Amino acid sequence: MCESFFATLECELLERRRFASQAEARMACFSYVEPRGSPDIEGWYNPVRLHSSLGYRSPMAYEAVAAATAAAAEVAEAQP
């Protein structure tokens, strides 16, 4: 997981920009990981970021579709 995160950070943030100072680069990294002030990496990287293994959907979107599909299947099974 850690190696994947740092590879993504490098590809999506660091290779696309030039920073005027080390402090600016540090703040960009901090904003990438914690854009909403969340206390850890779960703030953006995992729940919001699009994942190829989920059909380029975020885990939150994937889980919402899965829950809706499961609910529809339960309703269909309950009908005689």
PDB file of N, CA and C in Angstrom:
ATOM      1  N   MET A   1       0.828  -1.189   0.000  1.00  0.00           N
ATOM      2  CA  MET A   1       0.000   0.000   0.000  1.00  0.00           C
ATOM      3  C   MET A   1       0.870   1.250   0.000  1.00  0.00           C
ATOM      4  N   CYS A   2       1.861   1.290   0.819  1.00  0.00           N
ATOM      5  CA  CYS A   2       2.692   2.476   0.941  1.00  0.00           C
ATOM      6  C   CYS A   2       3.431   2.775  -0.364  1.00  0.00           C
ATOM      7  N   GLU A   3       3.992   1.757  -0.979  1.00  0.00           N
ATOM      8  CA  GLU A   3       4.700   1.963  -2.239  1.00  0.00           C
ATOM      9  C   GLU A   3       3.741   2.455  -3.315  1.00  0.00           C
ATOM     10  N   SER A   4       2.537   1.932  -3.342  1.00  0.00           N
ATOM     11  CA  SER A   4       1.541   2.368  -4.308  1.00  0.00           C
ATOM     12  C   SER A   4       1.176   3.833  -4.083  1.00  0.00           C
ATOM     13  N   PHE A   5       1.009   4.219  -2.841  1.00  0.00           N
ATOM     14  CA  PHE A   5       0.672   5.607  -2.532  1.00  0.00           C
ATOM     15  C   PHE A   5       1.770   6.553  -3.000  1.00  0.00           C
ATOM     16  N   PHE A   6       3.016   6.256  -2.671  1.00  0.00           N
ATOM     17  CA  PHE A   6       4.101   7.152  -3.047  1.00  0.00           C
ATOM     18  C   PHE A   6       4.308   7.194  -4.559  1.00  0.00           C
ATOM     19  N   ALA A   7       4.070   6.098  -5.246  1.00  0.00           N
ATOM     20  CA  ALA A   7       4.149   6.102  -6.706  1.00  0.00           C
ATOM     21  C   ALA A   7       3.058   7.003  -7.285  1.00  0.00           C
ATOM     22  N   THR A   8       1.858   6.933  -6.722  1.00  0.00           N
ATOM     23  CA  THR A   8       0.761   7.778  -7.174  1.00  0.00           C
ATOM     24  C   THR A   8       1.041   9.243  -6.865  1.00  0.00           C
ATOM     25  N   LEU A   9       1.533   9.521  -5.682  1.00  0.00           N
ATOM     26  CA  LEU A   9       1.880  10.891  -5.295  1.00  0.00           C
ATOM     27  C   LEU A   9       2.897  11.465  -6.265  1.00  0.00           C
ATOM     28  N   GLU A  10       3.912  10.705  -6.572  1.00  0.00           N
ATOM     29  CA  GLU A  10       4.947  11.162  -7.493  1.00  0.00           C
ATOM     30  C   GLU A  10       4.371  11.417  -8.880  1.00  0.00           C
ATOM     31  N   CYS A  11       3.573  10.503  -9.369  1.00  0.00           N
ATOM     32  CA  CYS A  11       3.025  10.611 -10.721  1.00  0.00           C
ATOM     33  C   CYS A  11       1.999  11.737 -10.832  1.00  0.00           C
ATOM     34  N   GLU A  12       1.071  11.815  -9.883  1.00  0.00           N
ATOM     35  CA  GLU A  12      -0.034  12.760  -9.985  1.00  0.00           C
ATOM     36  C   GLU A  12       0.301  14.167  -9.507  1.00  0.00           C
ATOM     37  N   LEU A  13       1.298  14.312  -8.665  1.00  0.00           N
ATOM     38  CA  LEU A  13       1.571  15.634  -8.097  1.00  0.00           C
ATOM     39  C   LEU A  13       2.970  16.128  -8.411  1.00  0.00           C
ATOM     40  N   LEU A  14       3.960  15.364  -8.047  1.00  0.00           N
ATOM     41  CA  LEU A  14       5.327  15.869  -8.098  1.00  0.00           C
ATOM     42  C   LEU A  14       5.884  15.984  -9.505  1.00  0.00           C
ATOM     43  N   GLU A  15       5.544  15.069 -10.394  1.00  0.00           N
ATOM     44  CA  GLU A  15       6.081  15.121 -11.750  1.00  0.00           C
ATOM     45  C   GLU A  15       5.367  16.145 -12.622  1.00  0.00           C
ATOM     46  N   ARG A  16       4.237  16.647 -12.180  1.00  0.00           N
ATOM     47  CA  ARG A  16       3.450  17.580 -12.997  1.00  0.00           C
ATOM     48  C   ARG A  16       3.738  19.041 -12.672  1.00  0.00           C
ATOM     49  N   ARG A  17       4.532  19.304 -11.653  1.00  0.00           N
ATOM     50  CA  ARG A  17       4.751  20.680 -11.216  1.00  0.00           C
ATOM     51  C   ARG A  17       6.210  20.946 -10.908  1.00  0.00           C
ATOM     52  N   ARG A  18       6.556  22.213 -10.943  1.00  0.00           N
ATOM     53  CA  ARG A  18       7.848  22.691 -10.446  1.00  0.00           C
ATOM     54  C   ARG A  18       7.534  23.567  -9.244  1.00  0.00           C
ATOM     55  N   PHE A  19       8.251  23.371  -8.189  1.00  0.00           N
ATOM     56  CA  PHE A  19       8.004  24.123  -6.963  1.00  0.00           C
ATOM     57  C   PHE A  19       9.093  25.166  -6.760  1.00  0.00           C
ATOM     58  N   ALA A  20       8.687  26.324  -6.264  1.00  0.00           N
ATOM     59  CA  ALA A  20       9.634  27.414  -6.030  1.00  0.00           C
ATOM     60  C   ALA A  20      10.499  27.156  -4.812  1.00  0.00           C
ATOM     61  N   SER A  21       9.999  26.385  -3.881  1.00  0.00           N
ATOM     62  CA  SER A  21      10.765  26.104  -2.658  1.00  0.00           C
ATOM     63  C   SER A  21      10.375  24.744  -2.095  1.00  0.00           C
ATOM     64  N   GLN A  22      11.178  24.282  -1.164  1.00  0.00           N
ATOM     65  CA  GLN A  22      10.883  23.016  -0.499  1.00  0.00           C
ATOM     66  C   GLN A  22       9.605  23.153   0.332  1.00  0.00           C
ATOM     67  N   ALA A  23       9.404  24.330   0.912  1.00  0.00           N
ATOM     68  CA  ALA A  23       8.196  24.563   1.710  1.00  0.00           C
ATOM     69  C   ALA A  23       6.943  24.470   0.843  1.00  0.00           C
ATOM     70  N   GLU A  24       6.996  24.997  -0.374  1.00  0.00           N
ATOM     71  CA  GLU A  24       5.860  24.909  -1.286  1.00  0.00           C
ATOM     72  C   GLU A  24       5.573  23.456  -1.662  1.00  0.00           C
ATOM     73  N   ALA A  25       6.621  22.692  -1.914  1.00  0.00           N
ATOM     74  CA  ALA A  25       6.454  21.271  -2.232  1.00  0.00           C
ATOM     75  C   ALA A  25       5.855  20.523  -1.043  1.00  0.00           C
ATOM     76  N   ARG A  26       6.308  20.840   0.144  1.00  0.00           N
ATOM     77  CA  ARG A  26       5.792  20.200   1.360  1.00  0.00           C
ATOM     78  C   ARG A  26       4.297  20.496   1.529  1.00  0.00           C
ATOM     79  N   MET A  27       3.907  21.750   1.293  1.00  0.00           N
ATOM     80  CA  MET A  27       2.494  22.114   1.431  1.00  0.00           C
ATOM     81  C   MET A  27       1.645  21.435   0.359  1.00  0.00           C
ATOM     82  N   ALA A  28       2.181  21.308  -0.843  1.00  0.00           N
ATOM     83  CA  ALA A  28       1.439  20.618  -1.907  1.00  0.00           C
ATOM     84  C   ALA A  28       1.212  19.155  -1.531  1.00  0.00           C
ATOM     85  N   CYS A  29       2.224  18.516  -0.972  1.00  0.00           N
ATOM     86  CA  CYS A  29       2.081  17.118  -0.538  1.00  0.00           C
ATOM     87  C   CYS A  29       1.065  17.006   0.582  1.00  0.00           C
ATOM     88  N   PHE A  30       1.113  17.925   1.529  1.00  0.00           N
ATOM     89  CA  PHE A  30       0.170  17.916   2.642  1.00  0.00           C
ATOM     90  C   PHE A  30      -1.252  18.100   2.122  1.00  0.00           C
ATOM     91  N   SER A  31      -1.444  19.024   1.183  1.00  0.00           N
ATOM     92  CA  SER A  31      -2.778  19.269   0.622  1.00  0.00           C
ATOM     93  C   SER A  31      -3.274  18.071  -0.176  1.00  0.00           C
ATOM     94  N   TYR A  32      -2.372  17.348  -0.824  1.00  0.00           N
ATOM     95  CA  TYR A  32      -2.737  16.161  -1.596  1.00  0.00           C
ATOM     96  C   TYR A  32      -3.282  15.074  -0.675  1.00  0.00           C
ATOM     97  N   VAL A  33      -2.637  14.901   0.443  1.00  0.00           N
ATOM     98  CA  VAL A  33      -3.039  13.845   1.382  1.00  0.00           C
ATOM     99  C   VAL A  33      -4.224  14.273   2.220  1.00  0.00           C
ATOM    100  N   GLU A  34      -4.259  15.517   2.641  1.00  0.00           N
ATOM    101  CA  GLU A  34      -5.291  15.989   3.561  1.00  0.00           C
ATOM    102  C   GLU A  34      -5.983  17.234   3.030  1.00  0.00           C
ATOM    103  N   PRO A  35      -6.668  17.153   1.903  1.00  0.00           N
ATOM    104  CA  PRO A  35      -7.241  18.352   1.303  1.00  0.00           C
ATOM    105  C   PRO A  35      -8.350  18.996   2.118  1.00  0.00           C
ATOM    106  N   ARG A  36      -9.004  18.246   2.946  1.00  0.00           N
ATOM    107  CA  ARG A  36     -10.106  18.782   3.737  1.00  0.00           C
ATOM    108  C   ARG A  36      -9.750  18.848   5.216  1.00  0.00           C
ATOM    109  N   GLY A  37      -8.479  18.786   5.511  1.00  0.00           N
ATOM    110  CA  GLY A  37      -8.058  18.840   6.903  1.00  0.00           C
ATOM    111  C   GLY A  37      -8.301  17.543   7.653  1.00  0.00           C
ATOM    112  N   SER A  38      -8.537  16.453   6.950  1.00  0.00           N
ATOM    113  CA  SER A  38      -8.773  15.178   7.616  1.00  0.00           C
ATOM    114  C   SER A  38      -7.481  14.703   8.273  1.00  0.00           C
ATOM    115  N   PRO A  39      -7.566  13.920   9.304  1.00  0.00           N
ATOM    116  CA  PRO A  39      -6.385  13.566  10.090  1.00  0.00           C
ATOM    117  C   PRO A  39      -5.448  12.549   9.463  1.00  0.00           C
ATOM    118  N   ASP A  40      -5.822  11.905   8.378  1.00  0.00           N
ATOM    119  CA  ASP A  40      -4.943  10.882   7.822  1.00  0.00           C
ATOM    120  C   ASP A  40      -5.177  10.698   6.328  1.00  0.00           C
ATOM    121  N   ILE A  41      -4.509   9.741   5.776  1.00  0.00           N
ATOM    122  CA  ILE A  41      -4.568   9.468   4.339  1.00  0.00           C
ATOM    123  C   ILE A  41      -5.969   9.089   3.875  1.00  0.00           C
ATOM    124  N   GLU A  42      -6.794   8.631   4.782  1.00  0.00           N
ATOM    125  CA  GLU A  42      -8.161   8.252   4.417  1.00  0.00           C
ATOM    126  C   GLU A  42      -8.977   9.445   3.942  1.00  0.00           C
ATOM    127  N   GLY A  43      -8.479  10.658   4.176  1.00  0.00           N
ATOM    128  CA  GLY A  43      -9.213  11.858   3.786  1.00  0.00           C
ATOM    129  C   GLY A  43      -9.487  11.957   2.301  1.00  0.00           C
ATOM    130  N   TRP A  44      -8.563  11.549   1.468  1.00  0.00           N
ATOM    131  CA  TRP A  44      -8.784  11.654   0.028  1.00  0.00           C
ATOM    132  C   TRP A  44      -8.321  10.416  -0.725  1.00  0.00           C
ATOM    133  N   TYR A  45      -7.152   9.963  -0.466  1.00  0.00           N
ATOM    134  CA  TYR A  45      -6.536   8.937  -1.299  1.00  0.00           C
ATOM    135  C   TYR A  45      -7.399   7.690  -1.417  1.00  0.00           C
ATOM    136  N   ASN A  46      -7.915   7.198  -0.328  1.00  0.00           N
ATOM    137  CA  ASN A  46      -8.692   5.961  -0.400  1.00  0.00           C
ATOM    138  C   ASN A  46     -10.170   6.152  -0.762  1.00  0.00           C
ATOM    139  N   PRO A  47     -10.943   6.985  -0.063  1.00  0.00           N
ATOM    140  CA  PRO A  47     -12.378   7.015  -0.350  1.00  0.00           C
ATOM    141  C   PRO A  47     -12.792   7.805  -1.577  1.00  0.00           C
ATOM    142  N   VAL A  48     -12.005   8.787  -2.001  1.00  0.00           N
ATOM    143  CA  VAL A  48     -12.433   9.666  -3.074  1.00  0.00           C
ATOM    144  C   VAL A  48     -11.693   9.400  -4.382  1.00  0.00           C
ATOM    145  N   ARG A  49     -10.447   8.985  -4.303  1.00  0.00           N
ATOM    146  CA  ARG A  49      -9.620   8.784  -5.487  1.00  0.00           C
ATOM    147  C   ARG A  49     -10.189   7.656  -6.343  1.00  0.00           C
ATOM    148  N   LEU A  50     -10.150   7.828  -7.660  1.00  0.00           N
ATOM    149  CA  LEU A  50     -10.631   6.792  -8.574  1.00  0.00           C
ATOM    150  C   LEU A  50      -9.644   5.633  -8.601  1.00  0.00           C
ATOM    151  N   HIS A  51     -10.156   4.413  -8.539  1.00  0.00           N
ATOM    152  CA  HIS A  51      -9.321   3.218  -8.517  1.00  0.00           C
ATOM    153  C   HIS A  51      -9.601   2.377  -9.764  1.00  0.00           C
ATOM    154  N   SER A  52      -8.551   1.985 -10.451  1.00  0.00           N
ATOM    155  CA  SER A  52      -8.724   1.187 -11.668  1.00  0.00           C
ATOM    156  C   SER A  52      -9.384  -0.155 -11.371  1.00  0.00           C
ATOM    157  N   SER A  53      -9.109  -0.727 -10.216  1.00  0.00           N
ATOM    158  CA  SER A  53      -9.687  -2.033  -9.878  1.00  0.00           C
ATOM    159  C   SER A  53     -11.193  -1.961  -9.633  1.00  0.00           C
ATOM    160  N   LEU A  54     -11.722  -0.741  -9.479  1.00  0.00           N
ATOM    161  CA  LEU A  54     -13.159  -0.560  -9.260  1.00  0.00           C
ATOM    162  C   LEU A  54     -13.836   0.058 -10.476  1.00  0.00           C
ATOM    163  N   GLY A  55     -13.224  -0.131 -11.635  1.00  0.00           N
ATOM    164  CA  GLY A  55     -13.796   0.428 -12.855  1.00  0.00           C
ATOM    165  C   GLY A  55     -13.663   1.942 -12.911  1.00  0.00           C
ATOM    166  N   TYR A  56     -12.574   2.452 -12.368  1.00  0.00           N
ATOM    167  CA  TYR A  56     -12.301   3.891 -12.316  1.00  0.00           C
ATOM    168  C   TYR A  56     -13.408   4.655 -11.603  1.00  0.00           C
ATOM    169  N   ARG A  57     -13.858   4.060 -10.504  1.00  0.00           N
ATOM    170  CA  ARG A  57     -14.790   4.726  -9.597  1.00  0.00           C
ATOM    171  C   ARG A  57     -14.123   4.843  -8.247  1.00  0.00           C
ATOM    172  N   SER A  58     -14.599   5.761  -7.449  1.00  0.00           N
ATOM    173  CA  SER A  58     -14.088   5.868  -6.088  1.00  0.00           C
ATOM    174  C   SER A  58     -14.690   4.734  -5.259  1.00  0.00           C
ATOM    175  N   PRO A  59     -14.030   4.345  -4.174  1.00  0.00           N
ATOM    176  CA  PRO A  59     -14.624   3.311  -3.316  1.00  0.00           C
ATOM    177  C   PRO A  59     -16.006   3.708  -2.814  1.00  0.00           C
ATOM    178  N   MET A  60     -16.207   5.003  -2.536  1.00  0.00           N
ATOM    179  CA  MET A  60     -17.514   5.448  -2.060  1.00  0.00           C
ATOM    180  C   MET A  60     -18.582   5.241  -3.136  1.00  0.00           C
ATOM    181  N   ALA A  61     -18.264   5.583  -4.375  1.00  0.00           N
ATOM    182  CA  ALA A  61     -19.222   5.402  -5.467  1.00  0.00           C
ATOM    183  C   ALA A  61     -19.473   3.917  -5.730  1.00  0.00           C
ATOM    184  N   TYR A  62     -18.409   3.120  -5.687  1.00  0.00           N
ATOM    185  CA  TYR A  62     -18.530   1.682  -5.913  1.00  0.00           C
ATOM    186  C   TYR A  62     -19.438   1.049  -4.851  1.00  0.00           C
ATOM    187  N   GLU A  63     -19.238   1.426  -3.585  1.00  0.00           N
ATOM    188  CA  GLU A  63     -20.045   0.872  -2.502  1.00  0.00           C
ATOM    189  C   GLU A  63     -21.499   1.312  -2.612  1.00  0.00           C
ATOM    190  N   ALA A  64     -21.736   2.541  -3.069  1.00  0.00           N
ATOM    191  CA  ALA A  64     -23.112   3.017  -3.235  1.00  0.00           C
ATOM    192  C   ALA A  64     -23.835   2.207  -4.308  1.00  0.00           C
ATOM    193  N   VAL A  65     -23.156   1.938  -5.410  1.00  0.00           N
ATOM    194  CA  VAL A  65     -23.756   1.133  -6.478  1.00  0.00           C
ATOM    195  C   VAL A  65     -23.994  -0.298  -5.996  1.00  0.00           C
ATOM    196  N   ALA A  66     -23.039  -0.846  -5.270  1.00  0.00           N
ATOM    197  CA  ALA A  66     -23.182  -2.213  -4.756  1.00  0.00           C
ATOM    198  C   ALA A  66     -24.357  -2.307  -3.782  1.00  0.00           C
ATOM    199  N   ALA A  67     -24.508  -1.305  -2.924  1.00  0.00           N
ATOM    200  CA  ALA A  67     -25.616  -1.307  -1.965  1.00  0.00           C
ATOM    201  C   ALA A  67     -26.956  -1.192  -2.685  1.00  0.00           C
ATOM    202  N   ALA A  68     -27.024  -0.333  -3.693  1.00  0.00           N
ATOM    203  CA  ALA A  68     -28.269  -0.172  -4.445  1.00  0.00           C
ATOM    204  C   ALA A  68     -28.615  -1.454  -5.199  1.00  0.00           C
ATOM    205  N   THR A  69     -27.619  -2.102  -5.755  1.00  0.00           N
ATOM    206  CA  THR A  69     -27.838  -3.356  -6.479  1.00  0.00           C
ATOM    207  C   THR A  69     -28.332  -4.443  -5.525  1.00  0.00           C
ATOM    208  N   ALA A  70     -27.724  -4.516  -4.344  1.00  0.00           N
ATOM    209  CA  ALA A  70     -28.141  -5.509  -3.348  1.00  0.00           C
ATOM    210  C   ALA A  70     -29.568  -5.243  -2.870  1.00  0.00           C
ATOM    211  N   ALA A  71     -29.914  -3.981  -2.666  1.00  0.00           N
ATOM    212  CA  ALA A  71     -31.277  -3.640  -2.226  1.00  0.00           C
ATOM    213  C   ALA A  71     -32.290  -4.000  -3.301  1.00  0.00           C
ATOM    214  N   ALA A  72     -31.956  -3.734  -4.551  1.00  0.00           N
ATOM    215  CA  ALA A  72     -32.866  -4.070  -5.656  1.00  0.00           C
ATOM    216  C   ALA A  72     -33.037  -5.580  -5.764  1.00  0.00           C
ATOM    217  N   ALA A  73     -31.968  -6.334  -5.527  1.00  0.00           N
ATOM    218  CA  ALA A  73     -32.051  -7.787  -5.582  1.00  0.00           C
ATOM    219  C   ALA A  73     -32.931  -8.329  -4.456  1.00  0.00           C
ATOM    220  N   GLU A  74     -32.848  -7.726  -3.281  1.00  0.00           N
ATOM    221  CA  GLU A  74     -33.687  -8.155  -2.159  1.00  0.00           C
ATOM    222  C   GLU A  74     -35.162  -7.893  -2.451  1.00  0.00           C
ATOM    223  N   VAL A  75     -35.454  -6.741  -3.035  1.00  0.00           N
ATOM    224  CA  VAL A  75     -36.846  -6.398  -3.373  1.00  0.00           C
ATOM    225  C   VAL A  75     -37.364  -7.386  -4.423  1.00  0.00           C
ATOM    226  N   ALA A  76     -36.540  -7.688  -5.407  1.00  0.00           N
ATOM    227  CA  ALA A  76     -36.963  -8.620  -6.474  1.00  0.00           C
ATOM    228  C   ALA A  76     -37.219 -10.003  -5.915  1.00  0.00           C
ATOM    229  N   GLU A  77     -36.399 -10.447  -4.960  1.00  0.00           N
ATOM    230  CA  GLU A  77     -36.579 -11.778  -4.368  1.00  0.00           C
ATOM    231  C   GLU A  77     -37.801 -11.839  -3.472  1.00  0.00           C
ATOM    232  N   ALA A  78     -38.161 -10.716  -2.861  1.00  0.00           N
ATOM    233  CA  ALA A  78     -39.283 -10.681  -1.939  1.00  0.00           C
ATOM    234  C   ALA A  78     -40.627 -10.702  -2.660  1.00  0.00           C
ATOM    235  N   GLN A  79     -40.624 -10.310  -3.915  1.00  0.00           N
ATOM    236  CA  GLN A  79     -41.881 -10.288  -4.665  1.00  0.00           C
ATOM    237  C   GLN A  79     -42.226 -11.704  -5.154  1.00  0.00           C
ATOM    238  N   PRO A  80     -43.503 -12.092  -4.994  1.00  0.00           N
ATOM    239  CA  PRO A  80     -43.894 -13.467  -5.405  1.00  0.00           C
ATOM    240  C   PRO A  80     -43.999 -13.629  -6.897  1.00  0.00           C
TER     241      PRO A  80
END
